[in-house]
């Protein structure tokens, strides 16, 4: 009976603790969205309001050069890892969509 109880406790512990312990190890290199947002708010707000960033109307092609320019500013304190996180975050949430393709007008 004691062996069965011990086995049951170990099984329950395995199902509870192993997923919790392996969670961070199972993540990819991409930062979680809330971590991306925190980096965005911390790094960008040092110099200007977040509304200014949100209303910049960047295209996907403009995100990387803009962040690289901001990264080079004195006191920006944006590491390469932070810059890559910001590229991903801004490209996902704050770029303007590309214009729809224009279909050619048929010639008569």
PDB file of N, CA and C in Angstrom:
ATOM      1  N   UNK A   1       0.820  -1.195   0.000  1.00  0.00           N
ATOM      2  CA  UNK A   1       0.000   0.000   0.000  1.00  0.00           C
ATOM      3  C   UNK A   1       0.865   1.261   0.000  1.00  0.00           C
ATOM      4  N   UNK A   2       1.949   1.246   0.811  1.00  0.00           N
ATOM      5  CA  UNK A   2       2.833   2.403   0.877  1.00  0.00           C
ATOM      6  C   UNK A   2       3.523   2.633  -0.466  1.00  0.00           C
ATOM      7  N   UNK A   3       3.873   1.556  -1.160  1.00  0.00           N
ATOM      8  CA  UNK A   3       4.514   1.666  -2.467  1.00  0.00           C
ATOM      9  C   UNK A   3       3.571   2.304  -3.482  1.00  0.00           C
ATOM     10  N   UNK A   4       2.313   1.936  -3.452  1.00  0.00           N
ATOM     11  CA  UNK A   4       1.324   2.504  -4.369  1.00  0.00           C
ATOM     12  C   UNK A   4       1.124   3.990  -4.080  1.00  0.00           C
ATOM     13  N   UNK A   5       1.043   4.365  -2.825  1.00  0.00           N
ATOM     14  CA  UNK A   5       0.876   5.768  -2.449  1.00  0.00           C
ATOM     15  C   UNK A   5       2.081   6.590  -2.889  1.00  0.00           C
ATOM     16  N   UNK A   6       3.270   6.088  -2.659  1.00  0.00           N
ATOM     17  CA  UNK A   6       4.492   6.783  -3.071  1.00  0.00           C
ATOM     18  C   UNK A   6       4.544   6.932  -4.589  1.00  0.00           C
ATOM     19  N   UNK A   7       4.184   5.878  -5.295  1.00  0.00           N
ATOM     20  CA  UNK A   7       4.167   5.927  -6.757  1.00  0.00           C
ATOM     21  C   UNK A   7       3.162   6.967  -7.258  1.00  0.00           C
ATOM     22  N   UNK A   8       2.003   7.014  -6.663  1.00  0.00           N
ATOM     23  CA  UNK A   8       0.973   7.984  -7.060  1.00  0.00           C
ATOM     24  C   UNK A   8       1.449   9.414  -6.810  1.00  0.00           C
ATOM     25  N   UNK A   9       2.088   9.636  -5.694  1.00  0.00           N
ATOM     26  CA  UNK A   9       2.607  10.972  -5.377  1.00  0.00           C
ATOM     27  C   UNK A   9       3.669  11.378  -6.397  1.00  0.00           C
ATOM     28  N   UNK A  10       4.547  10.476  -6.749  1.00  0.00           N
ATOM     29  CA  UNK A  10       5.586  10.777  -7.736  1.00  0.00           C
ATOM     30  C   UNK A  10       4.988  11.054  -9.113  1.00  0.00           C
ATOM     31  N   UNK A  11       3.975  10.292  -9.493  1.00  0.00           N
ATOM     32  CA  UNK A  11       3.327  10.524 -10.789  1.00  0.00           C
ATOM     33  C   UNK A  11       2.645  11.887 -10.831  1.00  0.00           C
ATOM     34  N   UNK A  12       1.930  12.222  -9.778  1.00  0.00           N
ATOM     35  CA  UNK A  12       1.253  13.525  -9.719  1.00  0.00           C
ATOM     36  C   UNK A  12       2.294  14.642  -9.759  1.00  0.00           C
ATOM     37  N   UNK A  13       3.353  14.489  -8.995  1.00  0.00           N
ATOM     38  CA  UNK A  13       4.409  15.499  -8.985  1.00  0.00           C
ATOM     39  C   UNK A  13       5.019  15.661 -10.374  1.00  0.00           C
ATOM     40  N   UNK A  14       5.223  14.552 -11.068  1.00  0.00           N
ATOM     41  CA  UNK A  14       5.797  14.616 -12.417  1.00  0.00           C
ATOM     42  C   UNK A  14       4.879  15.381 -13.368  1.00  0.00           C
ATOM     43  N   UNK A  15       3.583  15.123 -13.295  1.00  0.00           N
ATOM     44  CA  UNK A  15       2.654  15.812 -14.194  1.00  0.00           C
ATOM     45  C   UNK A  15       2.495  17.285 -13.840  1.00  0.00           C
ATOM     46  N   UNK A  16       2.704  17.635 -12.591  1.00  0.00           N
ATOM     47  CA  UNK A  16       2.549  19.024 -12.176  1.00  0.00           C
ATOM     48  C   UNK A  16       3.827  19.817 -12.389  1.00  0.00           C
ATOM     49  N   UNK A  17       4.965  19.284 -11.991  1.00  0.00           N
ATOM     50  CA  UNK A  17       6.193  20.056 -11.976  1.00  0.00           C
ATOM     51  C   UNK A  17       7.000  20.015 -13.268  1.00  0.00           C
ATOM     52  N   UNK A  18       6.977  18.938 -13.991  1.00  0.00           N
ATOM     53  CA  UNK A  18       7.776  18.857 -15.215  1.00  0.00           C
ATOM     54  C   UNK A  18       7.331  19.888 -16.253  1.00  0.00           C
ATOM     55  N   UNK A  19       6.024  20.051 -16.547  1.00  0.00           N
ATOM     56  CA  UNK A  19       5.652  21.101 -17.505  1.00  0.00           C
ATOM     57  C   UNK A  19       6.021  22.492 -17.014  1.00  0.00           C
ATOM     58  N   UNK A  20       5.920  22.749 -15.728  1.00  0.00           N
ATOM     59  CA  UNK A  20       6.266  24.056 -15.185  1.00  0.00           C
ATOM     60  C   UNK A  20       7.755  24.310 -15.328  1.00  0.00           C
ATOM     61  N   UNK A  21       8.561  23.300 -15.048  1.00  0.00           N
ATOM     62  CA  UNK A  21      10.010  23.464 -15.115  1.00  0.00           C
ATOM     63  C   UNK A  21      10.495  23.559 -16.554  1.00  0.00           C
ATOM     64  N   UNK A  22       9.854  22.890 -17.491  1.00  0.00           N
ATOM     65  CA  UNK A  22      10.341  22.893 -18.867  1.00  0.00           C
ATOM     66  C   UNK A  22       9.757  24.027 -19.683  1.00  0.00           C
ATOM     67  N   UNK A  23       8.808  24.780 -19.163  1.00  0.00           N
ATOM     68  CA  UNK A  23       8.174  25.873 -19.896  1.00  0.00           C
ATOM     69  C   UNK A  23       9.159  26.871 -20.467  1.00  0.00           C
ATOM     70  N   UNK A  24      10.006  27.509 -19.641  1.00  0.00           N
ATOM     71  CA  UNK A  24      10.946  28.481 -20.181  1.00  0.00           C
ATOM     72  C   UNK A  24      11.971  27.863 -21.118  1.00  0.00           C
ATOM     73  N   UNK A  25      12.342  26.602 -20.879  1.00  0.00           N
ATOM     74  CA  UNK A  25      13.332  25.965 -21.743  1.00  0.00           C
ATOM     75  C   UNK A  25      12.729  25.648 -23.104  1.00  0.00           C
ATOM     76  N   UNK A  26      11.415  25.480 -23.169  1.00  0.00           N
ATOM     77  CA  UNK A  26      10.768  25.107 -24.415  1.00  0.00           C
ATOM     78  C   UNK A  26      10.530  26.308 -25.319  1.00  0.00           C
ATOM     79  N   UNK A  27      10.703  27.526 -24.798  1.00  0.00           N
ATOM     80  CA  UNK A  27      10.446  28.715 -25.594  1.00  0.00           C
ATOM     81  C   UNK A  27      11.530  28.901 -26.646  1.00  0.00           C
ATOM     82  N   UNK A  28      11.158  29.565 -27.728  1.00  0.00           N
ATOM     83  CA  UNK A  28      12.131  29.874 -28.773  1.00  0.00           C
ATOM     84  C   UNK A  28      12.871  31.142 -28.387  1.00  0.00           C
ATOM     85  N   UNK A  29      13.725  31.627 -29.268  1.00  0.00           N
ATOM     86  CA  UNK A  29      14.464  32.850 -29.005  1.00  0.00           C
ATOM     87  C   UNK A  29      13.583  34.084 -29.051  1.00  0.00           C
ATOM     88  N   UNK A  30      12.421  33.981 -29.675  1.00  0.00           N
ATOM     89  CA  UNK A  30      11.535  35.133 -29.764  1.00  0.00           C
ATOM     90  C   UNK A  30      11.004  35.474 -28.375  1.00  0.00           C
ATOM     91  N   UNK A  31      10.989  36.759 -28.078  1.00  0.00           N
ATOM     92  CA  UNK A  31      10.477  37.208 -26.789  1.00  0.00           C
ATOM     93  C   UNK A  31       8.960  37.131 -26.798  1.00  0.00           C
ATOM     94  N   UNK A  32       8.396  36.914 -25.624  1.00  0.00           N
ATOM     95  CA  UNK A  32       6.938  36.878 -25.493  1.00  0.00           C
ATOM     96  C   UNK A  32       6.387  38.266 -25.792  1.00  0.00           C
ATOM     97  N   UNK A  33       5.131  38.342 -26.300  1.00  0.00           N
ATOM     98  CA  UNK A  33       4.561  39.647 -26.642  1.00  0.00           C
ATOM     99  C   UNK A  33       4.592  40.657 -25.491  1.00  0.00           C
ATOM    100  N   UNK A  34       4.348  40.207 -24.252  1.00  0.00           N
ATOM    101  CA  UNK A  34       4.384  41.166 -23.148  1.00  0.00           C
ATOM    102  C   UNK A  34       5.810  41.635 -22.871  1.00  0.00           C
ATOM    103  N   UNK A  35       6.807  40.790 -23.102  1.00  0.00           N
ATOM    104  CA  UNK A  35       8.204  41.203 -22.966  1.00  0.00           C
ATOM    105  C   UNK A  35       8.563  42.178 -24.077  1.00  0.00           C
ATOM    106  N   UNK A  36       8.083  41.904 -25.284  1.00  0.00           N
ATOM    107  CA  UNK A  36       8.314  42.821 -26.407  1.00  0.00           C
ATOM    108  C   UNK A  36       7.716  44.185 -26.106  1.00  0.00           C
ATOM    109  N   UNK A  37       6.507  44.198 -25.584  1.00  0.00           N
ATOM    110  CA  UNK A  37       5.848  45.463 -25.268  1.00  0.00           C
ATOM    111  C   UNK A  37       6.608  46.210 -24.173  1.00  0.00           C
ATOM    112  N   UNK A  38       7.095  45.489 -23.188  1.00  0.00           N
ATOM    113  CA  UNK A  38       7.844  46.120 -22.105  1.00  0.00           C
ATOM    114  C   UNK A  38       9.131  46.760 -22.644  1.00  0.00           C
ATOM    115  N   UNK A  39       9.837  46.070 -23.525  1.00  0.00           N
ATOM    116  CA  UNK A  39      11.044  46.635 -24.121  1.00  0.00           C
ATOM    117  C   UNK A  39      10.686  47.853 -24.951  1.00  0.00           C
ATOM    118  N   UNK A  40       9.610  47.754 -25.722  1.00  0.00           N
ATOM    119  CA  UNK A  40       9.134  48.882 -26.522  1.00  0.00           C
ATOM    120  C   UNK A  40       8.855  50.086 -25.634  1.00  0.00           C
ATOM    121  N   UNK A  41       8.092  49.878 -24.576  1.00  0.00           N
ATOM    122  CA  UNK A  41       7.720  50.991 -23.699  1.00  0.00           C
ATOM    123  C   UNK A  41       8.946  51.568 -22.989  1.00  0.00           C
ATOM    124  N   UNK A  42       9.836  50.713 -22.535  1.00  0.00           N
ATOM    125  CA  UNK A  42      11.009  51.179 -21.788  1.00  0.00           C
ATOM    126  C   UNK A  42      11.989  51.930 -22.680  1.00  0.00           C
ATOM    127  N   UNK A  43      12.323  51.350 -23.808  1.00  0.00           N
ATOM    128  CA  UNK A  43      13.366  51.938 -24.656  1.00  0.00           C
ATOM    129  C   UNK A  43      12.872  53.151 -25.448  1.00  0.00           C
ATOM    130  N   UNK A  44      11.681  53.074 -26.018  1.00  0.00           N
ATOM    131  CA  UNK A  44      11.205  54.152 -26.880  1.00  0.00           C
ATOM    132  C   UNK A  44      10.742  55.371 -26.083  1.00  0.00           C
ATOM    133  N   UNK A  45      10.184  55.124 -24.900  1.00  0.00           N
ATOM    134  CA  UNK A  45       9.637  56.219 -24.109  1.00  0.00           C
ATOM    135  C   UNK A  45      10.731  57.048 -23.441  1.00  0.00           C
ATOM    136  N   UNK A  46      11.963  56.583 -23.494  1.00  0.00           N
ATOM    137  CA  UNK A  46      13.056  57.369 -22.926  1.00  0.00           C
ATOM    138  C   UNK A  46      13.188  58.713 -23.640  1.00  0.00           C
ATOM    139  N   UNK A  47      12.883  58.739 -24.926  1.00  0.00           N
ATOM    140  CA  UNK A  47      13.102  59.952 -25.717  1.00  0.00           C
ATOM    141  C   UNK A  47      11.822  60.624 -26.205  1.00  0.00           C
ATOM    142  N   UNK A  48      10.768  59.870 -26.385  1.00  0.00           N
ATOM    143  CA  UNK A  48       9.529  60.481 -26.886  1.00  0.00           C
ATOM    144  C   UNK A  48       8.326  59.675 -26.429  1.00  0.00           C
ATOM    145  N   UNK A  49       7.159  60.238 -26.629  1.00  0.00           N
ATOM    146  CA  UNK A  49       5.934  59.577 -26.171  1.00  0.00           C
ATOM    147  C   UNK A  49       5.652  58.337 -27.018  1.00  0.00           C
ATOM    148  N   UNK A  50       4.958  57.393 -26.420  1.00  0.00           N
ATOM    149  CA  UNK A  50       4.594  56.189 -27.154  1.00  0.00           C
ATOM    150  C   UNK A  50       3.597  56.513 -28.259  1.00  0.00           C
ATOM    151  N   UNK A  51       2.771  57.528 -28.057  1.00  0.00           N
ATOM    152  CA  UNK A  51       1.845  57.930 -29.122  1.00  0.00           C
ATOM    153  C   UNK A  51       2.605  58.357 -30.368  1.00  0.00           C
ATOM    154  N   UNK A  52       3.739  58.997 -30.182  1.00  0.00           N
ATOM    155  CA  UNK A  52       4.533  59.421 -31.342  1.00  0.00           C
ATOM    156  C   UNK A  52       5.004  58.203 -32.140  1.00  0.00           C
ATOM    157  N   UNK A  53       5.405  57.169 -31.428  1.00  0.00           N
ATOM    158  CA  UNK A  53       5.843  55.944 -32.108  1.00  0.00           C
ATOM    159  C   UNK A  53       4.658  55.292 -32.814  1.00  0.00           C
ATOM    160  N   UNK A  54       3.547  55.206 -32.101  1.00  0.00           N
ATOM    161  CA  UNK A  54       2.367  54.546 -32.658  1.00  0.00           C
ATOM    162  C   UNK A  54       1.813  55.291 -33.861  1.00  0.00           C
ATOM    163  N   UNK A  55       1.974  56.601 -33.886  1.00  0.00           N
ATOM    164  CA  UNK A  55       1.423  57.407 -34.979  1.00  0.00           C
ATOM    165  C   UNK A  55       2.454  57.717 -36.061  1.00  0.00           C
ATOM    166  N   UNK A  56       3.588  57.057 -36.031  1.00  0.00           N
ATOM    167  CA  UNK A  56       4.646  57.325 -37.013  1.00  0.00           C
ATOM    168  C   UNK A  56       4.288  56.803 -38.398  1.00  0.00           C
ATOM    169  N   UNK A  57       3.338  55.889 -38.485  1.00  0.00           N
ATOM    170  CA  UNK A  57       2.881  55.330 -39.766  1.00  0.00           C
ATOM    171  C   UNK A  57       4.048  54.736 -40.559  1.00  0.00           C
ATOM    172  N   UNK A  58       4.799  53.880 -39.882  1.00  0.00           N
ATOM    173  CA  UNK A  58       5.922  53.216 -40.530  1.00  0.00           C
ATOM    174  C   UNK A  58       5.433  52.080 -41.423  1.00  0.00           C
ATOM    175  N   UNK A  59       6.128  51.893 -42.518  1.00  0.00           N
ATOM    176  CA  UNK A  59       5.897  50.704 -43.326  1.00  0.00           C
ATOM    177  C   UNK A  59       6.855  49.636 -42.823  1.00  0.00           C
ATOM    178  N   UNK A  60       6.645  48.411 -43.233  1.00  0.00           N
ATOM    179  CA  UNK A  60       7.526  47.325 -42.798  1.00  0.00           C
ATOM    180  C   UNK A  60       8.976  47.617 -43.192  1.00  0.00           C
ATOM    181  N   UNK A  61       9.182  48.226 -44.337  1.00  0.00           N
ATOM    182  CA  UNK A  61      10.536  48.532 -44.811  1.00  0.00           C
ATOM    183  C   UNK A  61      11.195  49.634 -43.989  1.00  0.00           C
ATOM    184  N   UNK A  62      10.413  50.448 -43.317  1.00  0.00           N
ATOM    185  CA  UNK A  62      10.949  51.569 -42.548  1.00  0.00           C
ATOM    186  C   UNK A  62      11.319  51.197 -41.108  1.00  0.00           C
ATOM    187  N   UNK A  63      10.836  50.071 -40.616  1.00  0.00           N
ATOM    188  CA  UNK A  63      11.023  49.725 -39.203  1.00  0.00           C
ATOM    189  C   UNK A  63      12.494  49.546 -38.855  1.00  0.00           C
ATOM    190  N   UNK A  64      13.204  48.701 -39.584  1.00  0.00           N
ATOM    191  CA  UNK A  64      14.606  48.411 -39.245  1.00  0.00           C
ATOM    192  C   UNK A  64      15.489  49.658 -39.333  1.00  0.00           C
ATOM    193  N   UNK A  65      15.448  50.422 -40.421  1.00  0.00           N
ATOM    194  CA  UNK A  65      16.295  51.626 -40.465  1.00  0.00           C
ATOM    195  C   UNK A  65      15.952  52.632 -39.353  1.00  0.00           C
ATOM    196  N   UNK A  66      14.682  52.733 -39.010  1.00  0.00           N
ATOM    197  CA  UNK A  66      14.282  53.671 -37.956  1.00  0.00           C
ATOM    198  C   UNK A  66      14.843  53.231 -36.611  1.00  0.00           C
ATOM    199  N   UNK A  67      14.708  51.949 -36.284  1.00  0.00           N
ATOM    200  CA  UNK A  67      15.230  51.451 -35.006  1.00  0.00           C
ATOM    201  C   UNK A  67      16.753  51.550 -34.991  1.00  0.00           C
ATOM    202  N   UNK A  68      17.404  51.241 -36.106  1.00  0.00           N
ATOM    203  CA  UNK A  68      18.860  51.357 -36.169  1.00  0.00           C
ATOM    204  C   UNK A  68      19.293  52.805 -35.936  1.00  0.00           C
ATOM    205  N   UNK A  69      18.555  53.755 -36.498  1.00  0.00           N
ATOM    206  CA  UNK A  69      18.862  55.171 -36.290  1.00  0.00           C
ATOM    207  C   UNK A  69      18.678  55.548 -34.813  1.00  0.00           C
ATOM    208  N   UNK A  70      17.584  55.094 -34.212  1.00  0.00           N
ATOM    209  CA  UNK A  70      17.325  55.396 -32.803  1.00  0.00           C
ATOM    210  C   UNK A  70      18.359  54.719 -31.898  1.00  0.00           C
ATOM    211  N   UNK A  71      18.779  53.530 -32.285  1.00  0.00           N
ATOM    212  CA  UNK A  71      19.775  52.776 -31.511  1.00  0.00           C
ATOM    213  C   UNK A  71      21.094  53.538 -31.445  1.00  0.00           C
ATOM    214  N   UNK A  72      21.416  54.277 -32.490  1.00  0.00           N
ATOM    215  CA  UNK A  72      22.693  54.994 -32.541  1.00  0.00           C
ATOM    216  C   UNK A  72      22.661  56.324 -31.779  1.00  0.00           C
ATOM    217  N   UNK A  73      21.505  56.748 -31.299  1.00  0.00           N
ATOM    218  CA  UNK A  73      21.397  58.019 -30.558  1.00  0.00           C
ATOM    219  C   UNK A  73      22.067  57.894 -29.194  1.00  0.00           C
ATOM    220  N   UNK A  74      22.718  58.953 -28.734  1.00  0.00           N
ATOM    221  CA  UNK A  74      23.339  58.913 -27.399  1.00  0.00           C
ATOM    222  C   UNK A  74      22.288  58.670 -26.310  1.00  0.00           C
ATOM    223  N   UNK A  75      22.598  57.744 -25.419  1.00  0.00           N
ATOM    224  CA  UNK A  75      21.698  57.461 -24.309  1.00  0.00           C
ATOM    225  C   UNK A  75      20.541  56.541 -24.642  1.00  0.00           C
ATOM    226  N   UNK A  76      20.474  56.052 -25.874  1.00  0.00           N
ATOM    227  CA  UNK A  76      19.345  55.194 -26.268  1.00  0.00           C
ATOM    228  C   UNK A  76      19.362  53.874 -25.522  1.00  0.00           C
ATOM    229  N   UNK A  77      20.529  53.328 -25.259  1.00  0.00           N
ATOM    230  CA  UNK A  77      20.677  52.081 -24.511  1.00  0.00           C
ATOM    231  C   UNK A  77      19.846  50.948 -25.117  1.00  0.00           C
ATOM    232  N   UNK A  78      19.931  50.806 -26.438  1.00  0.00           N
ATOM    233  CA  UNK A  78      19.232  49.730 -27.143  1.00  0.00           C
ATOM    234  C   UNK A  78      20.286  48.752 -27.637  1.00  0.00           C
ATOM    235  N   UNK A  79      20.298  47.565 -27.060  1.00  0.00           N
ATOM    236  CA  UNK A  79      21.247  46.536 -27.478  1.00  0.00           C
ATOM    237  C   UNK A  79      20.777  45.930 -28.803  1.00  0.00           C
ATOM    238  N   UNK A  80      21.616  45.121 -29.406  1.00  0.00           N
ATOM    239  CA  UNK A  80      21.231  44.452 -30.645  1.00  0.00           C
ATOM    240  C   UNK A  80      20.053  43.512 -30.398  1.00  0.00           C
ATOM    241  N   UNK A  81      20.048  42.836 -29.247  1.00  0.00           N
ATOM    242  CA  UNK A  81      18.936  41.949 -28.895  1.00  0.00           C
ATOM    243  C   UNK A  81      17.647  42.753 -28.734  1.00  0.00           C
ATOM    244  N   UNK A  82      17.741  43.896 -28.056  1.00  0.00           N
ATOM    245  CA  UNK A  82      16.571  44.776 -27.915  1.00  0.00           C
ATOM    246  C   UNK A  82      16.091  45.252 -29.282  1.00  0.00           C
ATOM    247  N   UNK A  83      17.035  45.613 -30.148  1.00  0.00           N
ATOM    248  CA  UNK A  83      16.673  46.097 -31.481  1.00  0.00           C
ATOM    249  C   UNK A  83      15.921  45.019 -32.257  1.00  0.00           C
ATOM    250  N   UNK A  84      16.392  43.775 -32.197  1.00  0.00           N
ATOM    251  CA  UNK A  84      15.715  42.685 -32.896  1.00  0.00           C
ATOM    252  C   UNK A  84      14.315  42.457 -32.334  1.00  0.00           C
ATOM    253  N   UNK A  85      14.176  42.579 -31.014  1.00  0.00           N
ATOM    254  CA  UNK A  85      12.855  42.457 -30.391  1.00  0.00           C
ATOM    255  C   UNK A  85      11.953  43.586 -30.862  1.00  0.00           C
ATOM    256  N   UNK A  86      12.487  44.784 -30.932  1.00  0.00           N
ATOM    257  CA  UNK A  86      11.691  45.931 -31.397  1.00  0.00           C
ATOM    258  C   UNK A  86      11.311  45.788 -32.871  1.00  0.00           C
ATOM    259  N   UNK A  87      12.231  45.262 -33.707  1.00  0.00           N
ATOM    260  CA  UNK A  87      11.893  45.026 -35.118  1.00  0.00           C
ATOM    261  C   UNK A  87      10.665  44.137 -35.198  1.00  0.00           C
ATOM    262  N   UNK A  88      10.734  43.034 -34.458  1.00  0.00           N
ATOM    263  CA  UNK A  88       9.647  42.051 -34.495  1.00  0.00           C
ATOM    264  C   UNK A  88       8.343  42.659 -33.979  1.00  0.00           C
ATOM    265  N   UNK A  89       8.427  43.340 -32.860  1.00  0.00           N
ATOM    266  CA  UNK A  89       7.224  43.902 -32.222  1.00  0.00           C
ATOM    267  C   UNK A  89       6.581  44.980 -33.094  1.00  0.00           C
ATOM    268  N   UNK A  90       7.378  45.930 -33.543  1.00  0.00           N
ATOM    269  CA  UNK A  90       6.821  47.016 -34.359  1.00  0.00           C
ATOM    270  C   UNK A  90       6.314  46.495 -35.705  1.00  0.00           C
ATOM    271  N   UNK A  91       7.026  45.548 -36.294  1.00  0.00           N
ATOM    272  CA  UNK A  91       6.591  44.987 -37.571  1.00  0.00           C
ATOM    273  C   UNK A  91       5.265  44.255 -37.444  1.00  0.00           C
ATOM    274  N   UNK A  92       5.034  43.695 -36.278  1.00  0.00           N
ATOM    275  CA  UNK A  92       3.815  42.927 -36.069  1.00  0.00           C
ATOM    276  C   UNK A  92       2.619  43.821 -35.716  1.00  0.00           C
ATOM    277  N   UNK A  93       2.845  44.858 -34.916  1.00  0.00           N
ATOM    278  CA  UNK A  93       1.725  45.600 -34.355  1.00  0.00           C
ATOM    279  C   UNK A  93       1.571  47.046 -34.821  1.00  0.00           C
ATOM    280  N   UNK A  94       2.609  47.668 -35.380  1.00  0.00           N
ATOM    281  CA  UNK A  94       2.520  49.103 -35.630  1.00  0.00           C
ATOM    282  C   UNK A  94       2.850  49.554 -37.049  1.00  0.00           C
ATOM    283  N   UNK A  95       2.951  48.669 -37.986  1.00  0.00           N
ATOM    284  CA  UNK A  95       3.213  49.116 -39.356  1.00  0.00           C
ATOM    285  C   UNK A  95       1.897  49.321 -40.089  1.00  0.00           C
ATOM    286  N   UNK A  96       1.938  50.231 -41.028  1.00  0.00           N
ATOM    287  CA  UNK A  96       0.744  50.414 -41.851  1.00  0.00           C
ATOM    288  C   UNK A  96       0.736  49.316 -42.901  1.00  0.00           C
ATOM    289  N   UNK A  97      -0.424  48.814 -43.222  1.00  0.00           N
ATOM    290  CA  UNK A  97      -0.469  47.749 -44.224  1.00  0.00           C
ATOM    291  C   UNK A  97      -0.104  48.292 -45.599  1.00  0.00           C
ATOM    292  N   UNK A  98       0.478  47.454 -46.413  1.00  0.00           N
ATOM    293  CA  UNK A  98       0.809  47.909 -47.764  1.00  0.00           C
ATOM    294  C   UNK A  98      -0.472  48.182 -48.554  1.00  0.00           C
ATOM    295  N   UNK A  99      -0.405  49.087 -49.514  1.00  0.00           N
ATOM    296  CA  UNK A  99      -1.605  49.355 -50.306  1.00  0.00           C
ATOM    297  C   UNK A  99      -1.981  48.132 -51.132  1.00  0.00           C
ATOM    298  N   UNK A 100      -3.246  47.980 -51.409  1.00  0.00           N
ATOM    299  CA  UNK A 100      -3.661  46.836 -52.212  1.00  0.00           C
ATOM    300  C   UNK A 100      -3.108  46.972 -53.630  1.00  0.00           C
ATOM    301  N   UNK A 101      -2.841  45.847 -54.270  1.00  0.00           N
ATOM    302  CA  UNK A 101      -2.333  45.938 -55.638  1.00  0.00           C
ATOM    303  C   UNK A 101      -3.364  46.575 -56.566  1.00  0.00           C
ATOM    304  N   UNK A 102      -2.871  47.332 -57.492  1.00  0.00           N
ATOM    305  CA  UNK A 102      -3.748  47.993 -58.456  1.00  0.00           C
ATOM    306  C   UNK A 102      -3.849  47.110 -59.682  1.00  0.00           C
ATOM    307  N   UNK A 103      -5.069  46.788 -60.031  1.00  0.00           N
ATOM    308  CA  UNK A 103      -5.225  45.972 -61.228  1.00  0.00           C
ATOM    309  C   UNK A 103      -5.198  46.879 -62.451  1.00  0.00           C
ATOM    310  N   UNK A 104      -4.558  46.414 -63.499  1.00  0.00           N
ATOM    311  CA  UNK A 104      -4.465  47.248 -64.700  1.00  0.00           C
ATOM    312  C   UNK A 104      -5.848  47.455 -65.334  1.00  0.00           C
ATOM    313  N   UNK A 105      -5.989  48.619 -65.910  1.00  0.00           N
ATOM    314  CA  UNK A 105      -7.249  48.927 -66.601  1.00  0.00           C
ATOM    315  C   UNK A 105      -7.179  48.280 -67.983  1.00  0.00           C
ATOM    316  N   UNK A 106      -8.196  47.518 -68.327  1.00  0.00           N
ATOM    317  CA  UNK A 106      -8.159  46.886 -69.648  1.00  0.00           C
ATOM    318  C   UNK A 106      -8.178  47.922 -70.767  1.00  0.00           C
ATOM    319  N   UNK A 107      -7.379  47.688 -71.751  1.00  0.00           N
ATOM    320  CA  UNK A 107      -7.305  48.574 -72.899  1.00  0.00           C
ATOM    321  C   UNK A 107      -8.314  48.110 -73.929  1.00  0.00           C
ATOM    322  N   UNK A 108      -9.094  49.054 -74.447  1.00  0.00           N
ATOM    323  CA  UNK A 108     -10.109  48.700 -75.452  1.00  0.00           C
ATOM    324  C   UNK A 108      -9.591  48.830 -76.841  1.00  0.00           C
TER     325      UNK A 108
END
